[in-house]
Amino acid sequence: MAAKVFAMYTKPADEAAFNARYFPGHVDLVKQIPGLQRFEVSRGLGKDAPYWLIAEMVYADRDAMMAAQRSPEVAGTRDDVMEFA
């Protein structure tokens, strides 16, 4: 059974700056995560939605997801997101 990780972002004060950093920079880092089978970003969730952007990362199973969470690539994405989000 597939396992998923979600990253949920509230609306940033400066959308243009967020987008410039997230697309493609952060997205490129995420796509390097070992075991990642699919990555999808959803926006335009409605003006009353609690989140402005939701990123979904899909792995084959829980073991693949847990292995990825221990990888240097995930550590890099966490460090990167702390710089702009």
C-alpha atoms as a PDB file:
ATOM      1  CA  MET A   1       0.000   0.000   0.000  1.00  0.00           C
ATOM      2  CA  ALA A   2       1.319   3.437  -0.940  1.00  0.00           C
ATOM      3  CA  ALA A   3       2.441   5.848   1.767  1.00  0.00           C
ATOM      4  CA  LYS A   4       2.120   9.619   1.495  1.00  0.00           C
ATOM      5  CA  VAL A   5       3.698  12.664   3.076  1.00  0.00           C
ATOM      6  CA  PHE A   6       1.999  16.047   2.838  1.00  0.00           C
ATOM      7  CA  ALA A   7       3.594  19.464   3.205  1.00  0.00           C
ATOM      8  CA  MET A   8       0.987  22.168   3.771  1.00  0.00           C
ATOM      9  CA  TYR A   9       1.756  25.857   3.437  1.00  0.00           C
ATOM     10  CA  THR A  10      -0.293  28.850   4.493  1.00  0.00           C
ATOM     11  CA  LYS A  11      -0.399  31.828   2.175  1.00  0.00           C
ATOM     12  CA  PRO A  12       2.953  33.638   2.248  1.00  0.00           C
ATOM     13  CA  ALA A  13       3.197  37.380   2.701  1.00  0.00           C
ATOM     14  CA  ASP A  14       5.062  37.600  -0.620  1.00  0.00           C
ATOM     15  CA  GLU A  15       3.626  35.082  -3.081  1.00  0.00           C
ATOM     16  CA  ALA A  16       6.032  36.045  -5.862  1.00  0.00           C
ATOM     17  CA  ALA A  17       9.087  35.497  -3.659  1.00  0.00           C
ATOM     18  CA  PHE A  18       7.734  32.160  -2.422  1.00  0.00           C
ATOM     19  CA  ASN A  19       6.996  30.976  -5.964  1.00  0.00           C
ATOM     20  CA  ALA A  20      10.415  32.069  -7.199  1.00  0.00           C
ATOM     21  CA  ARG A  21      12.076  29.981  -4.505  1.00  0.00           C
ATOM     22  CA  TYR A  22       9.689  27.008  -4.509  1.00  0.00           C
ATOM     23  CA  PHE A  23       9.407  26.591  -8.299  1.00  0.00           C
ATOM     24  CA  PRO A  24      11.739  25.137  -9.494  1.00  0.00           C
ATOM     25  CA  GLY A  25      14.400  25.315  -6.737  1.00  0.00           C
ATOM     26  CA  HIS A  26      12.731  23.483  -3.858  1.00  0.00           C
ATOM     27  CA  VAL A  27      10.742  21.250  -6.196  1.00  0.00           C
ATOM     28  CA  ASP A  28      13.987  20.105  -7.825  1.00  0.00           C
ATOM     29  CA  LEU A  29      15.349  19.104  -4.407  1.00  0.00           C
ATOM     30  CA  VAL A  30      12.187  17.158  -3.576  1.00  0.00           C
ATOM     31  CA  LYS A  31      12.354  15.255  -6.842  1.00  0.00           C
ATOM     32  CA  GLN A  32      15.806  13.929  -5.828  1.00  0.00           C
ATOM     33  CA  ILE A  33      14.448  12.142  -2.732  1.00  0.00           C
ATOM     34  CA  PRO A  34      15.180   8.408  -3.012  1.00  0.00           C
ATOM     35  CA  GLY A  35      12.126   6.189  -3.363  1.00  0.00           C
ATOM     36  CA  LEU A  36       9.803   9.047  -4.305  1.00  0.00           C
ATOM     37  CA  GLN A  37       7.328   7.709  -6.842  1.00  0.00           C
ATOM     38  CA  ARG A  38       5.171  10.775  -7.362  1.00  0.00           C
ATOM     39  CA  PHE A  39       5.168  14.429  -6.380  1.00  0.00           C
ATOM     40  CA  GLU A  40       2.165  16.679  -6.855  1.00  0.00           C
ATOM     41  CA  VAL A  41       1.469  20.282  -5.865  1.00  0.00           C
ATOM     42  CA  SER A  42      -2.061  21.625  -5.430  1.00  0.00           C
ATOM     43  CA  ARG A  43      -2.909  25.323  -5.311  1.00  0.00           C
ATOM     44  CA  GLY A  44      -6.056  27.338  -5.721  1.00  0.00           C
ATOM     45  CA  LEU A  45      -7.812  25.501  -2.914  1.00  0.00           C
ATOM     46  CA  GLY A  46     -10.319  28.314  -2.405  1.00  0.00           C
ATOM     47  CA  LYS A  47     -10.137  31.623  -0.580  1.00  0.00           C
ATOM     48  CA  ASP A  48     -11.377  30.145   2.705  1.00  0.00           C
ATOM     49  CA  ALA A  49      -9.095  27.101   2.623  1.00  0.00           C
ATOM     50  CA  PRO A  50      -6.707  26.886   5.580  1.00  0.00           C
ATOM     51  CA  TYR A  51      -3.790  26.111   3.273  1.00  0.00           C
ATOM     52  CA  TRP A  52      -2.574  27.964   0.207  1.00  0.00           C
ATOM     53  CA  LEU A  53      -0.433  25.149  -1.231  1.00  0.00           C
ATOM     54  CA  ILE A  54      -0.285  21.413  -0.493  1.00  0.00           C
ATOM     55  CA  ALA A  55       2.546  19.196  -1.720  1.00  0.00           C
ATOM     56  CA  GLU A  56       1.951  15.438  -1.830  1.00  0.00           C
ATOM     57  CA  MET A  57       4.856  12.993  -1.921  1.00  0.00           C
ATOM     58  CA  VAL A  58       4.021   9.351  -2.650  1.00  0.00           C
ATOM     59  CA  TYR A  59       6.150   6.305  -1.860  1.00  0.00           C
ATOM     60  CA  ALA A  60       5.612   2.614  -2.633  1.00  0.00           C
ATOM     61  CA  ASP A  61       5.034   1.771   1.034  1.00  0.00           C
ATOM     62  CA  ARG A  62       5.747   2.832   4.595  1.00  0.00           C
ATOM     63  CA  ASP A  63       9.237   1.295   4.575  1.00  0.00           C
ATOM     64  CA  ALA A  64      10.214   3.289   1.474  1.00  0.00           C
ATOM     65  CA  MET A  65       8.804   6.446   3.031  1.00  0.00           C
ATOM     66  CA  MET A  66      10.668   5.903   6.314  1.00  0.00           C
ATOM     67  CA  ALA A  67      13.932   5.188   4.475  1.00  0.00           C
ATOM     68  CA  ALA A  68      13.496   8.398   2.490  1.00  0.00           C
ATOM     69  CA  GLN A  69      12.867  10.400   5.681  1.00  0.00           C
ATOM     70  CA  ARG A  70      16.308   9.345   6.941  1.00  0.00           C
ATOM     71  CA  SER A  71      18.062  10.337   3.699  1.00  0.00           C
ATOM     72  CA  PRO A  72      20.365  13.326   3.248  1.00  0.00           C
ATOM     73  CA  GLU A  73      18.075  14.477   0.433  1.00  0.00           C
ATOM     74  CA  VAL A  74      15.145  14.901   2.827  1.00  0.00           C
ATOM     75  CA  ALA A  75      17.419  16.661   5.314  1.00  0.00           C
ATOM     76  CA  GLY A  76      18.372  19.040   2.494  1.00  0.00           C
ATOM     77  CA  THR A  77      14.760  19.769   1.605  1.00  0.00           C
ATOM     78  CA  ARG A  78      13.959  20.477   5.268  1.00  0.00           C
ATOM     79  CA  ASP A  79      16.887  22.881   5.539  1.00  0.00           C
ATOM     80  CA  ASP A  80      15.884  24.564   2.295  1.00  0.00           C
ATOM     81  CA  VAL A  81      12.240  25.079   3.232  1.00  0.00           C
ATOM     82  CA  MET A  82      13.236  26.644   6.553  1.00  0.00           C
ATOM     83  CA  GLU A  83      14.989  29.394   4.589  1.00  0.00           C
ATOM     84  CA  PHE A  84      11.909  30.619   2.739  1.00  0.00           C
ATOM     85  CA  ALA A  85       8.661  29.240   4.169  1.00  0.00           C
END
